[in-house]
Amino acid sequence: MHVTRTPDAEIHYEDKGEGPALLLVHGHPFDHTMWQPQIDRFSRTHRVIAPDLRGYGATPLGAHPDSTGLDVFAEDLVALLDDLRVERCVLAGLSMGGQIAMELYRRHPERIRGLVLADTFPAAETDEGRTARNAMADRLLAEGMRGYADEVLDLMVAPYNTHAAPHVHRMMRSTDPVGAAAALRGRAERPDYRETLTTVPFPALVVVGRDDTYTPVADAESMCALLPHATLAVIERAAHLPNLERPEEFDAALESYLGSLVRPS
């Protein structure tokens, strides 16, 4: 992996291939290897950049030990793009990564020429959800990641997709609970991105697993309706991580979308 340093962070990332830049943002509580099938496939035609977010994988938490807001993640990604001299990219995020992508677009729309939102939703947190995220943060700090990973594995990966489960479980188990807790607290305070999505001027892609209970198809349909120019891809026989559960179907949707975008000069 490569490393770029900002004033308060040391971001580890994969940078593979040549061509238009495709930035892949992982979800919680994973790391950049969540995107391994897409890194392998799309690096044949694109420059694929896949970082470990602050507090995940090989990237240390740095200067935000208690709460890492989505704005912090977004600015880390902009710093990474700056360091790599990437002016504009197609930005793809899954789950929390999708919300980071929305925050990055909200803050720096000029850096984005395509947007892929997978198994995510744009609404601000509810009072109930805020309480639940903070309680989970307390639990992870007290107990570590193993119990949580065991409990949610069948929600992240549908039980019939046993091929993807070991990788997903391993990522969750190995995540630093301090980093995961900080992200949960920050995510609990996220803004509402629904108005932001109505301003996206270029085509977007919304992807969701048919059996995702965290972000059901109805949520994806509602989000797709907010975007002025969007395509919805529902991946059959997949839950919250269709890119790992059904990589061929996910990649086909992403490849079609990337092919529809005007190639940057």
Protein backbone atom coordinates (compact mmCIF):
# COMPACT_ATOMS: atom_id res chain seq x y z
CA MET A 1 0.00 0.00 0.00
CA HIS A 2 0.95 3.64 -0.50
CA VAL A 3 0.86 6.35 2.16
CA THR A 4 0.06 10.05 1.98
CA ARG A 5 0.46 12.39 4.93
CA THR A 6 -1.70 15.36 5.87
CA PRO A 7 -1.11 17.70 8.83
CA ASP A 8 -2.99 15.32 11.16
CA ALA A 9 -3.39 12.02 9.29
CA GLU A 10 -1.44 9.27 7.57
CA ILE A 11 -3.70 7.78 4.92
CA HIS A 12 -2.90 4.35 3.52
CA TYR A 13 -4.34 3.56 0.12
CA GLU A 14 -4.25 1.34 -2.95
CA ASP A 15 -3.53 3.04 -6.29
CA LYS A 16 -3.74 0.72 -9.26
CA GLY A 17 -4.16 1.12 -13.00
CA GLU A 18 -4.20 4.02 -15.43
CA GLY A 19 -6.95 6.12 -16.95
CA PRO A 20 -9.82 8.17 -15.50
CA ALA A 21 -9.75 8.17 -11.70
CA LEU A 22 -12.23 6.02 -9.77
CA LEU A 23 -12.20 6.63 -6.01
CA LEU A 24 -13.74 3.81 -3.93
CA VAL A 25 -14.84 4.59 -0.35
CA HIS A 26 -15.47 1.65 1.94
CA GLY A 27 -18.16 1.31 4.58
CA HIS A 28 -18.16 0.60 8.32
CA PRO A 29 -16.51 -1.37 9.80
CA PHE A 30 -14.40 -2.45 6.83
CA ASP A 31 -11.26 -1.41 4.96
CA HIS A 32 -10.20 -0.89 1.35
CA THR A 33 -10.16 -4.65 0.65
CA MET A 34 -13.96 -4.48 0.70
CA TRP A 35 -13.48 -3.29 -2.89
CA GLN A 36 -10.98 -5.96 -3.96
CA PRO A 37 -13.09 -7.39 -6.82
CA GLN A 38 -13.60 -3.88 -8.21
CA ILE A 39 -9.94 -2.91 -7.77
CA ASP A 40 -8.94 -5.98 -9.75
CA ARG A 41 -11.47 -5.48 -12.52
CA PHE A 42 -11.60 -1.73 -13.06
CA SER A 43 -7.87 -1.10 -12.78
CA ARG A 44 -7.72 -2.49 -16.33
CA THR A 45 -9.46 0.65 -17.60
CA HIS A 46 -9.24 3.18 -14.76
CA ARG A 47 -6.91 4.50 -12.13
CA VAL A 48 -8.55 2.94 -9.08
CA ILE A 49 -7.83 4.61 -5.75
CA ALA A 50 -9.06 2.76 -2.65
CA PRO A 51 -8.04 4.20 0.75
CA ASP A 52 -8.36 2.88 4.25
CA LEU A 53 -10.39 5.58 5.98
CA ARG A 54 -9.09 7.26 9.10
CA GLY A 55 -9.31 4.75 11.96
CA TYR A 56 -9.83 1.74 9.67
CA GLY A 57 -7.45 -0.78 8.19
CA ALA A 58 -3.87 0.49 8.13
CA THR A 59 -4.78 4.18 8.55
CA PRO A 60 -4.40 5.45 12.14
CA LEU A 61 -7.20 7.40 13.77
CA GLY A 62 -5.03 10.46 14.19
CA ALA A 63 -6.25 13.64 15.85
CA HIS A 64 -9.97 12.82 16.16
CA PRO A 65 -10.08 10.07 18.80
CA ASP A 66 -13.58 10.68 20.16
CA SER A 67 -15.67 11.53 17.10
CA THR A 68 -14.77 11.46 13.43
CA GLY A 69 -17.29 13.42 11.40
CA LEU A 70 -18.06 12.70 7.79
CA ASP A 71 -16.51 16.06 6.99
CA VAL A 72 -13.18 14.82 8.35
CA PHE A 73 -13.31 11.73 6.14
CA ALA A 74 -14.27 13.86 3.14
CA GLU A 75 -11.39 16.28 3.63
CA ASP A 76 -8.98 13.36 4.03
CA LEU A 77 -10.10 12.12 0.62
CA VAL A 78 -9.66 15.55 -0.95
CA ALA A 79 -6.16 15.73 0.53
CA LEU A 80 -5.45 12.32 -1.00
CA LEU A 81 -6.69 13.46 -4.41
CA ASP A 82 -4.55 16.58 -4.13
CA ASP A 83 -1.48 14.53 -3.25
CA LEU A 84 -2.11 12.25 -6.24
CA ARG A 85 -2.76 15.28 -8.49
CA VAL A 86 -6.23 14.03 -9.39
CA GLU A 87 -8.40 17.00 -10.27
CA ARG A 88 -11.69 15.12 -10.81
CA CYS A 89 -12.84 11.57 -10.23
CA VAL A 90 -15.79 9.24 -10.29
CA LEU A 91 -16.63 8.76 -6.63
CA ALA A 92 -18.19 5.52 -5.38
CA GLY A 93 -19.16 4.84 -1.77
CA LEU A 94 -21.03 2.05 -0.02
CA SER A 95 -23.05 2.48 3.19
CA MET A 96 -21.10 4.94 5.38
CA GLY A 97 -18.83 5.36 2.37
CA GLY A 98 -21.83 6.56 0.40
CA GLN A 99 -22.58 9.19 3.02
CA ILE A 100 -18.94 10.29 2.95
CA ALA A 101 -19.27 10.55 -0.83
CA MET A 102 -22.33 12.78 -0.42
CA GLU A 103 -20.43 14.97 2.05
CA LEU A 104 -17.47 15.21 -0.30
CA TYR A 105 -19.74 16.22 -3.18
CA ARG A 106 -21.50 18.78 -0.94
CA ARG A 107 -18.18 20.38 -0.02
CA HIS A 108 -16.28 20.00 -3.31
CA PRO A 109 -18.66 19.40 -6.22
CA GLU A 110 -16.02 20.55 -8.72
CA ARG A 111 -13.89 17.48 -7.87
CA ILE A 112 -16.56 14.94 -8.84
CA ARG A 113 -17.61 13.95 -12.36
CA GLY A 114 -19.58 10.83 -11.46
CA LEU A 115 -21.28 9.52 -8.32
CA VAL A 116 -22.06 5.94 -7.31
CA LEU A 117 -24.10 5.47 -4.13
CA ALA A 118 -24.42 1.85 -2.99
CA ASP A 119 -26.54 0.56 -0.10
CA THR A 120 -26.71 3.94 1.59
CA PHE A 121 -29.22 6.69 2.38
CA PRO A 122 -29.09 10.49 2.52
CA ALA A 123 -31.29 11.42 5.51
CA ALA A 124 -29.90 12.84 8.73
CA GLU A 125 -29.91 10.59 11.76
CA THR A 126 -33.07 10.31 13.84
CA ASP A 127 -33.02 10.84 17.60
CA GLU A 128 -33.45 7.10 18.07
CA GLY A 129 -30.68 6.34 15.61
CA ARG A 130 -28.34 8.84 17.25
CA THR A 131 -28.87 7.16 20.61
CA ALA A 132 -28.31 3.72 19.10
CA ARG A 133 -25.07 4.73 17.36
CA ASN A 134 -23.63 6.26 20.51
CA ALA A 135 -24.63 3.21 22.54
CA MET A 136 -22.94 0.95 19.99
CA ALA A 137 -19.82 3.10 20.16
CA ASP A 138 -19.74 2.60 23.94
CA ARG A 139 -20.19 -1.13 23.47
CA LEU A 140 -17.39 -1.48 20.93
CA LEU A 141 -15.01 0.37 23.23
CA ALA A 142 -15.97 -1.89 26.13
CA GLU A 143 -16.17 -5.25 24.34
CA GLY A 144 -14.19 -4.98 21.11
CA MET A 145 -15.39 -6.00 17.65
CA ARG A 146 -15.86 -9.78 17.82
CA GLY A 147 -19.35 -9.92 19.32
CA TYR A 148 -20.62 -7.20 17.00
CA ALA A 149 -19.10 -8.94 13.97
CA ASP A 150 -20.77 -12.21 14.90
CA GLU A 151 -24.16 -10.53 15.35
CA VAL A 152 -24.33 -8.52 12.14
CA LEU A 153 -22.59 -10.86 9.69
CA ASP A 154 -25.88 -12.24 8.33
CA LEU A 155 -27.14 -8.68 7.77
CA MET A 156 -24.00 -7.57 5.99
CA VAL A 157 -23.83 -10.71 3.84
CA ALA A 158 -26.95 -12.75 3.09
CA PRO A 159 -26.66 -16.24 4.62
CA TYR A 160 -26.82 -17.84 1.18
CA ASN A 161 -23.67 -15.94 0.09
CA THR A 162 -21.27 -17.99 2.18
CA HIS A 163 -18.35 -17.31 -0.19
CA ALA A 164 -18.19 -13.66 0.95
CA ALA A 165 -18.72 -14.18 4.67
CA PRO A 166 -15.16 -15.06 5.82
CA HIS A 167 -13.64 -11.93 4.25
CA VAL A 168 -16.37 -9.68 5.67
CA HIS A 169 -16.13 -11.22 9.14
CA ARG A 170 -12.34 -10.88 9.10
CA MET A 171 -12.53 -7.18 8.17
CA MET A 172 -15.02 -6.46 10.94
CA ARG A 173 -13.06 -8.39 13.56
CA SER A 174 -9.79 -6.67 12.71
CA THR A 175 -11.16 -3.11 12.77
CA ASP A 176 -9.87 -0.93 15.60
CA PRO A 177 -12.82 -0.44 17.98
CA VAL A 178 -11.60 3.08 18.84
CA GLY A 179 -11.74 4.09 15.18
CA ALA A 180 -15.10 2.41 14.67
CA ALA A 181 -16.56 4.09 17.74
CA ALA A 182 -15.31 7.51 16.65
CA ALA A 183 -16.90 7.05 13.23
CA LEU A 184 -20.21 5.98 14.78
CA ARG A 185 -20.31 9.11 16.94
CA GLY A 186 -19.47 11.33 13.99
CA ARG A 187 -21.97 9.66 11.71
CA ALA A 188 -24.70 10.17 14.30
CA GLU A 189 -24.33 13.93 13.77
CA ARG A 190 -24.36 13.91 9.96
CA PRO A 191 -26.41 16.47 8.03
CA ASP A 192 -29.28 15.72 5.68
CA TYR A 193 -28.04 15.23 2.12
CA ARG A 194 -31.38 15.05 0.33
CA GLU A 195 -31.31 18.64 -0.91
CA THR A 196 -27.68 18.19 -1.96
CA LEU A 197 -28.59 15.25 -4.18
CA THR A 198 -31.10 17.36 -6.12
CA THR A 199 -28.19 19.53 -7.33
CA VAL A 200 -26.05 16.77 -8.89
CA PRO A 201 -25.77 17.80 -12.57
CA PHE A 202 -24.25 14.63 -14.02
CA PRO A 203 -25.54 11.05 -14.26
CA ALA A 204 -25.40 9.06 -11.03
CA LEU A 205 -25.75 5.37 -10.20
CA VAL A 206 -27.66 4.02 -7.21
CA VAL A 207 -27.03 0.38 -6.32
CA VAL A 208 -28.69 -1.78 -3.67
CA GLY A 209 -28.89 -5.43 -2.75
CA ARG A 210 -32.39 -6.84 -3.10
CA ASP A 211 -32.25 -8.33 0.41
CA ASP A 212 -30.52 -5.43 2.17
CA THR A 213 -32.29 -4.74 5.48
CA TYR A 214 -30.05 -1.82 6.48
CA THR A 215 -30.93 0.14 3.34
CA PRO A 216 -33.97 -1.46 1.72
CA VAL A 217 -34.78 -1.13 -1.96
CA ALA A 218 -37.47 1.43 -1.15
CA ASP A 219 -34.81 3.72 0.34
CA ALA A 220 -32.68 3.35 -2.78
CA GLU A 221 -35.67 4.18 -4.95
CA SER A 222 -36.38 7.31 -2.93
CA MET A 223 -32.75 8.40 -3.14
CA CYS A 224 -32.67 7.73 -6.86
CA ALA A 225 -35.74 9.94 -7.31
CA LEU A 226 -33.90 12.87 -5.71
CA LEU A 227 -31.08 12.75 -8.24
CA PRO A 228 -31.89 14.59 -11.50
CA HIS A 229 -30.14 11.99 -13.69
CA ALA A 230 -29.87 8.62 -11.98
CA THR A 231 -30.03 4.91 -12.75
CA LEU A 232 -31.06 2.34 -10.14
CA ALA A 233 -29.45 -1.11 -10.14
CA VAL A 234 -30.99 -3.69 -7.81
CA ILE A 235 -28.65 -6.64 -7.32
CA GLU A 236 -30.59 -9.85 -6.85
CA ARG A 237 -29.58 -12.36 -4.14
CA ALA A 238 -27.49 -9.84 -2.23
CA ALA A 239 -27.80 -8.00 1.07
CA HIS A 240 -25.72 -5.02 2.25
CA LEU A 241 -22.50 -5.77 0.33
CA PRO A 242 -23.52 -6.63 -3.23
CA ASN A 243 -20.06 -5.76 -4.56
CA LEU A 244 -18.68 -8.76 -2.63
CA GLU A 245 -21.74 -10.99 -2.62
CA ARG A 246 -22.49 -10.68 -6.34
CA PRO A 247 -19.40 -9.02 -7.85
CA GLU A 248 -20.18 -9.93 -11.45
CA GLU A 249 -23.62 -8.31 -11.31
CA PHE A 250 -22.35 -5.30 -9.37
CA ASP A 251 -19.44 -4.83 -11.75
CA ALA A 252 -21.70 -5.08 -14.78
CA ALA A 253 -23.83 -2.21 -13.43
CA LEU A 254 -20.76 -0.14 -12.60
CA GLU A 255 -19.11 -0.85 -15.96
CA SER A 256 -22.24 0.22 -17.83
CA TYR A 257 -22.40 3.41 -15.77
CA LEU A 258 -18.73 4.26 -16.26
CA GLY A 259 -19.12 3.69 -19.98
CA SER A 260 -21.98 6.18 -20.10
CA LEU A 261 -19.87 9.03 -18.72
CA VAL A 262 -18.01 11.39 -20.99
CA ARG A 263 -14.33 10.53 -20.79
CA PRO A 264 -12.40 13.43 -19.23
CA SER A 265 -10.01 15.35 -21.48
